[in-house]
C-alpha atoms as a PDB file:
ATOM      1  CA  UNK A   1     -10.396  11.736 -10.254  1.00  0.00           C
ATOM      2  CA  UNK A   2     -10.218  12.539 -14.047  1.00  0.00           C
ATOM      3  CA  UNK A   3     -13.638  14.023 -13.760  1.00  0.00           C
ATOM      4  CA  UNK A   4     -12.843  15.942 -10.801  1.00  0.00           C
ATOM      5  CA  UNK A   5      -9.716  17.280 -12.681  1.00  0.00           C
ATOM      6  CA  UNK A   6     -11.544  18.028 -15.842  1.00  0.00           C
ATOM      7  CA  UNK A   7     -14.253  20.335 -13.670  1.00  0.00           C
ATOM      8  CA  UNK A   8     -11.258  21.816 -12.138  1.00  0.00           C
ATOM      9  CA  UNK A   9     -11.714  20.507  -8.871  1.00  0.00           C
ATOM     10  CA  UNK A  10      -8.535  21.806  -6.374  1.00  0.00           C
ATOM     11  CA  UNK A  11      -6.085  19.639  -4.341  1.00  0.00           C
ATOM     12  CA  UNK A  12      -5.806  21.671  -1.172  1.00  0.00           C
ATOM     13  CA  UNK A  13      -2.655  21.164   1.452  1.00  0.00           C
ATOM     14  CA  UNK A  14      -2.572  22.262   4.566  1.00  0.00           C
ATOM     15  CA  UNK A  15       0.502  23.847   6.247  1.00  0.00           C
ATOM     16  CA  UNK A  16       1.738  20.396   6.941  1.00  0.00           C
ATOM     17  CA  UNK A  17       1.450  19.369   3.481  1.00  0.00           C
ATOM     18  CA  UNK A  18      -1.207  16.716   3.763  1.00  0.00           C
ATOM     19  CA  UNK A  19      -3.508  17.071   0.777  1.00  0.00           C
ATOM     20  CA  UNK A  20      -7.119  16.313  -0.106  1.00  0.00           C
ATOM     21  CA  UNK A  21      -9.561  16.754  -2.750  1.00  0.00           C
ATOM     22  CA  UNK A  22     -13.407  16.946  -2.128  1.00  0.00           C
ATOM     23  CA  UNK A  23     -15.297  14.721  -4.841  1.00  0.00           C
ATOM     24  CA  UNK A  24     -18.387  14.452  -5.859  1.00  0.00           C
ATOM     25  CA  UNK A  25     -20.224  11.104  -6.871  1.00  0.00           C
ATOM     26  CA  UNK A  26     -19.357  12.074 -10.731  1.00  0.00           C
ATOM     27  CA  UNK A  27     -15.910  12.147 -10.436  1.00  0.00           C
ATOM     28  CA  UNK A  28     -15.063   8.788  -9.005  1.00  0.00           C
ATOM     29  CA  UNK A  29     -17.281   6.885 -11.881  1.00  0.00           C
ATOM     30  CA  UNK A  30     -15.294   4.955 -14.849  1.00  0.00           C
ATOM     31  CA  UNK A  31     -14.622   1.560 -16.045  1.00  0.00           C
ATOM     32  CA  UNK A  32     -12.623  -0.944 -14.200  1.00  0.00           C
ATOM     33  CA  UNK A  33      -9.073  -1.543 -15.528  1.00  0.00           C
ATOM     34  CA  UNK A  34      -8.714  -4.639 -17.559  1.00  0.00           C
ATOM     35  CA  UNK A  35      -5.926  -7.033 -17.206  1.00  0.00           C
ATOM     36  CA  UNK A  36      -4.423  -9.758 -15.240  1.00  0.00           C
ATOM     37  CA  UNK A  37      -3.448  -7.919 -11.810  1.00  0.00           C
ATOM     38  CA  UNK A  38      -5.860  -8.660  -9.034  1.00  0.00           C
ATOM     39  CA  UNK A  39      -5.912  -6.852  -5.874  1.00  0.00           C
ATOM     40  CA  UNK A  40      -7.311  -7.386  -2.282  1.00  0.00           C
ATOM     41  CA  UNK A  41      -9.402  -4.522  -1.002  1.00  0.00           C
ATOM     42  CA  UNK A  42      -9.685  -3.869   2.978  1.00  0.00           C
ATOM     43  CA  UNK A  43     -11.934  -1.698   3.815  1.00  0.00           C
ATOM     44  CA  UNK A  44     -11.490  -0.183   7.565  1.00  0.00           C
ATOM     45  CA  UNK A  45     -14.722   1.405   8.793  1.00  0.00           C
ATOM     46  CA  UNK A  46     -15.421   3.109  11.825  1.00  0.00           C
ATOM     47  CA  UNK A  47     -18.693   1.999  13.219  1.00  0.00           C
ATOM     48  CA  UNK A  48     -18.622   4.056  16.560  1.00  0.00           C
ATOM     49  CA  UNK A  49     -21.276   6.500  17.116  1.00  0.00           C
ATOM     50  CA  UNK A  50     -24.819   6.312  15.961  1.00  0.00           C
ATOM     51  CA  UNK A  51     -26.310   7.427  12.463  1.00  0.00           C
ATOM     52  CA  UNK A  52     -22.918   8.510  10.929  1.00  0.00           C
ATOM     53  CA  UNK A  53     -21.551   5.017  11.703  1.00  0.00           C
ATOM     54  CA  UNK A  54     -24.727   3.706  10.009  1.00  0.00           C
ATOM     55  CA  UNK A  55     -24.221   6.009   7.077  1.00  0.00           C
ATOM     56  CA  UNK A  56     -20.336   4.674   6.898  1.00  0.00           C
ATOM     57  CA  UNK A  57     -21.640   1.097   7.033  1.00  0.00           C
ATOM     58  CA  UNK A  58     -24.211   1.473   4.471  1.00  0.00           C
ATOM     59  CA  UNK A  59     -21.509   3.267   1.957  1.00  0.00           C
ATOM     60  CA  UNK A  60     -19.538   0.231   2.614  1.00  0.00           C
ATOM     61  CA  UNK A  61     -21.586  -2.273   1.950  1.00  0.00           C
ATOM     62  CA  UNK A  62     -22.702  -0.714  -1.401  1.00  0.00           C
ATOM     63  CA  UNK A  63     -19.324  -0.487  -2.313  1.00  0.00           C
ATOM     64  CA  UNK A  64     -18.600  -4.118  -1.528  1.00  0.00           C
ATOM     65  CA  UNK A  65     -21.352  -5.536  -3.340  1.00  0.00           C
ATOM     66  CA  UNK A  66     -20.688  -3.193  -6.603  1.00  0.00           C
ATOM     67  CA  UNK A  67     -17.119  -4.029  -6.456  1.00  0.00           C
ATOM     68  CA  UNK A  68     -17.670  -7.871  -6.172  1.00  0.00           C
ATOM     69  CA  UNK A  69     -19.920  -7.775  -9.149  1.00  0.00           C
ATOM     70  CA  UNK A  70     -16.698  -6.628 -11.051  1.00  0.00           C
ATOM     71  CA  UNK A  71     -14.849  -9.683  -9.617  1.00  0.00           C
ATOM     72  CA  UNK A  72     -15.633 -11.717 -12.751  1.00  0.00           C
ATOM     73  CA  UNK A  73     -13.401  -9.298 -14.823  1.00  0.00           C
ATOM     74  CA  UNK A  74     -10.308  -8.558 -12.440  1.00  0.00           C
ATOM     75  CA  UNK A  75     -10.238 -11.308 -10.176  1.00  0.00           C
ATOM     76  CA  UNK A  76     -10.497  -8.907  -7.096  1.00  0.00           C
ATOM     77  CA  UNK A  77     -10.923 -10.056  -3.303  1.00  0.00           C
ATOM     78  CA  UNK A  78     -12.903  -7.704  -0.986  1.00  0.00           C
ATOM     79  CA  UNK A  79     -12.681  -7.743   3.102  1.00  0.00           C
ATOM     80  CA  UNK A  80     -14.342  -5.649   5.822  1.00  0.00           C
ATOM     81  CA  UNK A  81     -13.075  -4.866   9.288  1.00  0.00           C
ATOM     82  CA  UNK A  82     -15.028  -2.713  11.575  1.00  0.00           C
ATOM     83  CA  UNK A  83     -14.028  -1.239  14.610  1.00  0.00           C
ATOM     84  CA  UNK A  84     -15.789   0.115  17.844  1.00  0.00           C
ATOM     85  CA  UNK A  85     -16.566  -0.394  21.465  1.00  0.00           C
ATOM     86  CA  UNK A  86     -13.019  -2.011  22.657  1.00  0.00           C
ATOM     87  CA  UNK A  87     -11.645  -3.458  19.573  1.00  0.00           C
ATOM     88  CA  UNK A  88     -11.936  -4.391  15.583  1.00  0.00           C
ATOM     89  CA  UNK A  89     -13.735  -7.271  14.109  1.00  0.00           C
ATOM     90  CA  UNK A  90     -13.434  -8.956  10.665  1.00  0.00           C
ATOM     91  CA  UNK A  91     -17.139  -8.787   9.545  1.00  0.00           C
ATOM     92  CA  UNK A  92     -15.970  -9.996   6.039  1.00  0.00           C
ATOM     93  CA  UNK A  93     -13.068 -12.019   5.548  1.00  0.00           C
ATOM     94  CA  UNK A  94     -11.532 -11.908   2.023  1.00  0.00           C
ATOM     95  CA  UNK A  95     -14.012 -13.319  -0.651  1.00  0.00           C
ATOM     96  CA  UNK A  96     -15.257 -12.870  -3.920  1.00  0.00           C
ATOM     97  CA  UNK A  97     -18.621 -13.844  -2.938  1.00  0.00           C
ATOM     98  CA  UNK A  98     -21.306 -11.508  -3.010  1.00  0.00           C
ATOM     99  CA  UNK A  99     -23.730 -13.750  -1.007  1.00  0.00           C
ATOM    100  CA  UNK A 100     -21.064 -14.047   1.993  1.00  0.00           C
ATOM    101  CA  UNK A 101     -20.802 -10.193   1.788  1.00  0.00           C
ATOM    102  CA  UNK A 102     -24.727  -9.759   1.888  1.00  0.00           C
ATOM    103  CA  UNK A 103     -25.312 -12.082   4.786  1.00  0.00           C
ATOM    104  CA  UNK A 104     -22.326 -10.993   6.790  1.00  0.00           C
ATOM    105  CA  UNK A 105     -22.568  -7.260   6.408  1.00  0.00           C
ATOM    106  CA  UNK A 106     -26.422  -7.159   7.645  1.00  0.00           C
ATOM    107  CA  UNK A 107     -27.339  -6.378  11.140  1.00  0.00           C
ATOM    108  CA  UNK A 108     -24.089  -5.163  12.213  1.00  0.00           C
ATOM    109  CA  UNK A 109     -24.088  -3.407  15.694  1.00  0.00           C
ATOM    110  CA  UNK A 110     -22.657   0.352  15.803  1.00  0.00           C
ATOM    111  CA  UNK A 111     -21.985   2.495  18.702  1.00  0.00           C
ATOM    112  CA  UNK A 112     -19.368   3.350  21.406  1.00  0.00           C
ATOM    113  CA  UNK A 113     -16.087   3.937  21.506  1.00  0.00           C
ATOM    114  CA  UNK A 114     -13.643   4.593  18.604  1.00  0.00           C
ATOM    115  CA  UNK A 115     -10.422   2.296  18.795  1.00  0.00           C
ATOM    116  CA  UNK A 116      -8.861   3.147  15.655  1.00  0.00           C
ATOM    117  CA  UNK A 117      -5.553   1.752  16.022  1.00  0.00           C
ATOM    118  CA  UNK A 118      -7.447  -1.616  16.646  1.00  0.00           C
ATOM    119  CA  UNK A 119      -8.994  -1.195  13.426  1.00  0.00           C
ATOM    120  CA  UNK A 120      -5.724  -0.870  11.885  1.00  0.00           C
ATOM    121  CA  UNK A 121      -3.468  -3.337  13.537  1.00  0.00           C
ATOM    122  CA  UNK A 122      -6.519  -5.954  12.203  1.00  0.00           C
ATOM    123  CA  UNK A 123      -6.316  -4.787   8.378  1.00  0.00           C
ATOM    124  CA  UNK A 124      -2.550  -5.259   8.936  1.00  0.00           C
ATOM    125  CA  UNK A 125      -2.886  -8.866  10.166  1.00  0.00           C
ATOM    126  CA  UNK A 126      -5.499  -9.789   7.608  1.00  0.00           C
ATOM    127  CA  UNK A 127      -3.616  -8.533   4.838  1.00  0.00           C
ATOM    128  CA  UNK A 128       0.027 -10.369   6.337  1.00  0.00           C
ATOM    129  CA  UNK A 129      -2.264 -13.586   6.239  1.00  0.00           C
ATOM    130  CA  UNK A 130      -3.548 -13.181   2.904  1.00  0.00           C
ATOM    131  CA  UNK A 131      -0.060 -12.223   1.367  1.00  0.00           C
ATOM    132  CA  UNK A 132       1.214 -15.338   2.795  1.00  0.00           C
ATOM    133  CA  UNK A 133      -1.464 -17.389   0.682  1.00  0.00           C
ATOM    134  CA  UNK A 134      -1.509 -15.150  -2.275  1.00  0.00           C
ATOM    135  CA  UNK A 135       1.388 -13.250  -2.786  1.00  0.00           C
ATOM    136  CA  UNK A 136       0.540 -12.041  -6.272  1.00  0.00           C
ATOM    137  CA  UNK A 137      -2.557 -10.144  -5.056  1.00  0.00           C
ATOM    138  CA  UNK A 138      -2.016  -6.343  -4.507  1.00  0.00           C
ATOM    139  CA  UNK A 139      -3.471  -5.236  -1.054  1.00  0.00           C
ATOM    140  CA  UNK A 140      -5.045  -1.782  -0.239  1.00  0.00           C
ATOM    141  CA  UNK A 141      -6.408  -0.421   2.745  1.00  0.00           C
ATOM    142  CA  UNK A 142      -9.623   2.167   2.167  1.00  0.00           C
ATOM    143  CA  UNK A 143     -10.245   3.633   5.788  1.00  0.00           C
ATOM    144  CA  UNK A 144     -13.292   5.419   6.226  1.00  0.00           C
ATOM    145  CA  UNK A 145     -12.846   7.541   9.236  1.00  0.00           C
ATOM    146  CA  UNK A 146     -12.838  11.164  10.698  1.00  0.00           C
ATOM    147  CA  UNK A 147      -9.370  10.358  12.354  1.00  0.00           C
ATOM    148  CA  UNK A 148     -10.629  10.411  15.540  1.00  0.00           C
ATOM    149  CA  UNK A 149      -9.528   7.770  18.138  1.00  0.00           C
ATOM    150  CA  UNK A 150     -10.683   7.370  21.767  1.00  0.00           C
ATOM    151  CA  UNK A 151      -8.957   5.752  24.933  1.00  0.00           C
ATOM    152  CA  UNK A 152      -5.551   6.002  26.383  1.00  0.00           C
ATOM    153  CA  UNK A 153      -3.423   7.815  24.022  1.00  0.00           C
ATOM    154  CA  UNK A 154      -5.911   7.080  21.033  1.00  0.00           C
ATOM    155  CA  UNK A 155      -4.668   9.019  18.684  1.00  0.00           C
ATOM    156  CA  UNK A 156      -0.802   8.436  19.020  1.00  0.00           C
ATOM    157  CA  UNK A 157      -1.514   4.790  18.966  1.00  0.00           C
ATOM    158  CA  UNK A 158      -3.530   5.168  15.868  1.00  0.00           C
ATOM    159  CA  UNK A 159      -0.549   6.941  14.087  1.00  0.00           C
ATOM    160  CA  UNK A 160       2.010   4.695  15.205  1.00  0.00           C
ATOM    161  CA  UNK A 161      -0.034   1.728  13.932  1.00  0.00           C
ATOM    162  CA  UNK A 162      -0.816   3.856  10.846  1.00  0.00           C
ATOM    163  CA  UNK A 163       2.872   4.463  10.628  1.00  0.00           C
ATOM    164  CA  UNK A 164       3.957   0.567  11.106  1.00  0.00           C
ATOM    165  CA  UNK A 165       1.458  -0.043   7.863  1.00  0.00           C
ATOM    166  CA  UNK A 166       3.618   2.112   5.939  1.00  0.00           C
ATOM    167  CA  UNK A 167       6.880   1.141   6.893  1.00  0.00           C
ATOM    168  CA  UNK A 168       5.941  -2.497   6.544  1.00  0.00           C
ATOM    169  CA  UNK A 169       5.484  -1.669   2.666  1.00  0.00           C
ATOM    170  CA  UNK A 170       2.830  -4.495   2.003  1.00  0.00           C
ATOM    171  CA  UNK A 171      -0.365  -2.274   0.968  1.00  0.00           C
ATOM    172  CA  UNK A 172      -1.349   0.866  -0.285  1.00  0.00           C
ATOM    173  CA  UNK A 173      -3.893   2.868   1.252  1.00  0.00           C
ATOM    174  CA  UNK A 174      -6.562   5.807   0.773  1.00  0.00           C
ATOM    175  CA  UNK A 175      -8.061   7.569   3.656  1.00  0.00           C
ATOM    176  CA  UNK A 176     -11.699   8.591   2.878  1.00  0.00           C
ATOM    177  CA  UNK A 177     -12.526  11.412   5.348  1.00  0.00           C
ATOM    178  CA  UNK A 178     -15.751  11.349   7.159  1.00  0.00           C
ATOM    179  CA  UNK A 179     -15.353  14.366   8.965  1.00  0.00           C
ATOM    180  CA  UNK A 180     -18.778  16.426   8.973  1.00  0.00           C
ATOM    181  CA  UNK A 181     -18.492  18.839  12.111  1.00  0.00           C
ATOM    182  CA  UNK A 182     -18.416  22.372  11.459  1.00  0.00           C
ATOM    183  CA  UNK A 183     -15.010  22.636  13.296  1.00  0.00           C
ATOM    184  CA  UNK A 184     -12.456  21.031  10.876  1.00  0.00           C
ATOM    185  CA  UNK A 185     -10.012  19.253  13.010  1.00  0.00           C
ATOM    186  CA  UNK A 186      -8.190  17.543  10.117  1.00  0.00           C
ATOM    187  CA  UNK A 187      -7.222  14.486  12.016  1.00  0.00           C
ATOM    188  CA  UNK A 188      -7.965  12.133   8.795  1.00  0.00           C
ATOM    189  CA  UNK A 189      -5.154  13.697   6.827  1.00  0.00           C
ATOM    190  CA  UNK A 190      -2.647  13.329   9.745  1.00  0.00           C
ATOM    191  CA  UNK A 191      -3.520   9.555   9.675  1.00  0.00           C
ATOM    192  CA  UNK A 192      -3.342   9.396   5.737  1.00  0.00           C
ATOM    193  CA  UNK A 193       0.371  11.258   6.143  1.00  0.00           C
ATOM    194  CA  UNK A 194       1.275   8.347   8.782  1.00  0.00           C
ATOM    195  CA  UNK A 195       0.037   5.564   6.044  1.00  0.00           C
ATOM    196  CA  UNK A 196       1.653   7.425   3.013  1.00  0.00           C
ATOM    197  CA  UNK A 197      -1.935   7.366   2.028  1.00  0.00           C
ATOM    198  CA  UNK A 198      -3.803  10.018   0.003  1.00  0.00           C
ATOM    199  CA  UNK A 199      -6.835  11.639   1.917  1.00  0.00           C
ATOM    200  CA  UNK A 200     -10.112  12.248   0.231  1.00  0.00           C
ATOM    201  CA  UNK A 201     -13.319  13.659   1.275  1.00  0.00           C
ATOM    202  CA  UNK A 202     -16.711  12.578  -0.641  1.00  0.00           C
ATOM    203  CA  UNK A 203     -19.224  15.198  -0.738  1.00  0.00           C
ATOM    204  CA  UNK A 204     -21.869  12.414  -1.011  1.00  0.00           C
ATOM    205  CA  UNK A 205     -20.989   9.076   1.204  1.00  0.00           C
ATOM    206  CA  UNK A 206     -22.716   6.222  -1.175  1.00  0.00           C
ATOM    207  CA  UNK A 207     -21.792   2.789  -1.847  1.00  0.00           C
ATOM    208  CA  UNK A 208     -21.030   3.745  -5.545  1.00  0.00           C
ATOM    209  CA  UNK A 209     -18.813   7.039  -4.499  1.00  0.00           C
ATOM    210  CA  UNK A 210     -16.785   4.488  -2.166  1.00  0.00           C
ATOM    211  CA  UNK A 211     -16.417   2.021  -5.172  1.00  0.00           C
ATOM    212  CA  UNK A 212     -15.508   4.648  -7.350  1.00  0.00           C
ATOM    213  CA  UNK A 213     -12.440   5.325  -5.135  1.00  0.00           C
ATOM    214  CA  UNK A 214     -11.320   1.976  -5.574  1.00  0.00           C
ATOM    215  CA  UNK A 215     -11.956   1.988  -9.177  1.00  0.00           C
ATOM    216  CA  UNK A 216     -10.115   5.252  -9.647  1.00  0.00           C
ATOM    217  CA  UNK A 217      -6.691   3.877  -7.871  1.00  0.00           C
ATOM    218  CA  UNK A 218      -6.914   0.731  -9.798  1.00  0.00           C
ATOM    219  CA  UNK A 219      -6.834   3.174 -12.891  1.00  0.00           C
ATOM    220  CA  UNK A 220      -4.089   5.073 -11.517  1.00  0.00           C
ATOM    221  CA  UNK A 221      -6.184   8.261 -10.862  1.00  0.00           C
ATOM    222  CA  UNK A 222      -5.337   7.892  -6.841  1.00  0.00           C
ATOM    223  CA  UNK A 223      -1.922   7.170  -6.095  1.00  0.00           C
ATOM    224  CA  UNK A 224      -0.288   6.284  -3.041  1.00  0.00           C
ATOM    225  CA  UNK A 225       2.073   9.017  -1.473  1.00  0.00           C
ATOM    226  CA  UNK A 226       5.080   6.963  -0.538  1.00  0.00           C
END
């Protein structure tokens, strides 16, 4: 984020006050903050669709392994939740193990409908369980989605789930907008607003770019909008 500021990247706001910054890979590189704090990073990734879902999952897998290599410094844990079809699945329970991450994130199925609300609620449930076990660990949700939600009242249910997480106050959040269509609907920005989160758009969706967003958040360059 500091690099983005240095190159003059602009924060763009829509009529409702939702903001976004388009980042390139170099914007989100940097050293991990040293200290005694530890975090729980919960990736919530849309694995519906086909090729785009594979790209999102690949980026999350790369980010998870990159962040876990840092775990000896900051003692962070990482979890991954995927949503597709009829619900959400915890692909990777909270862990510091690279071996477990690589094993569990291999050969994940993609395609089908987009139950965004279920993904968010699964993240909320996971965080509640982890907070009871390790209350000193700070949770953050990293949602990779274009904001679309299928099913009966899909978007309304997703917005309600996001608002529930925000009002619960247990976790911060960052939304990475994966919308790539020519007509921008801005749905990810709506979900970010309900989460009280910053909405970012990455010019290149890669593991290091996504990991860089997490590192930038830890360093205070990406903040939660309460």
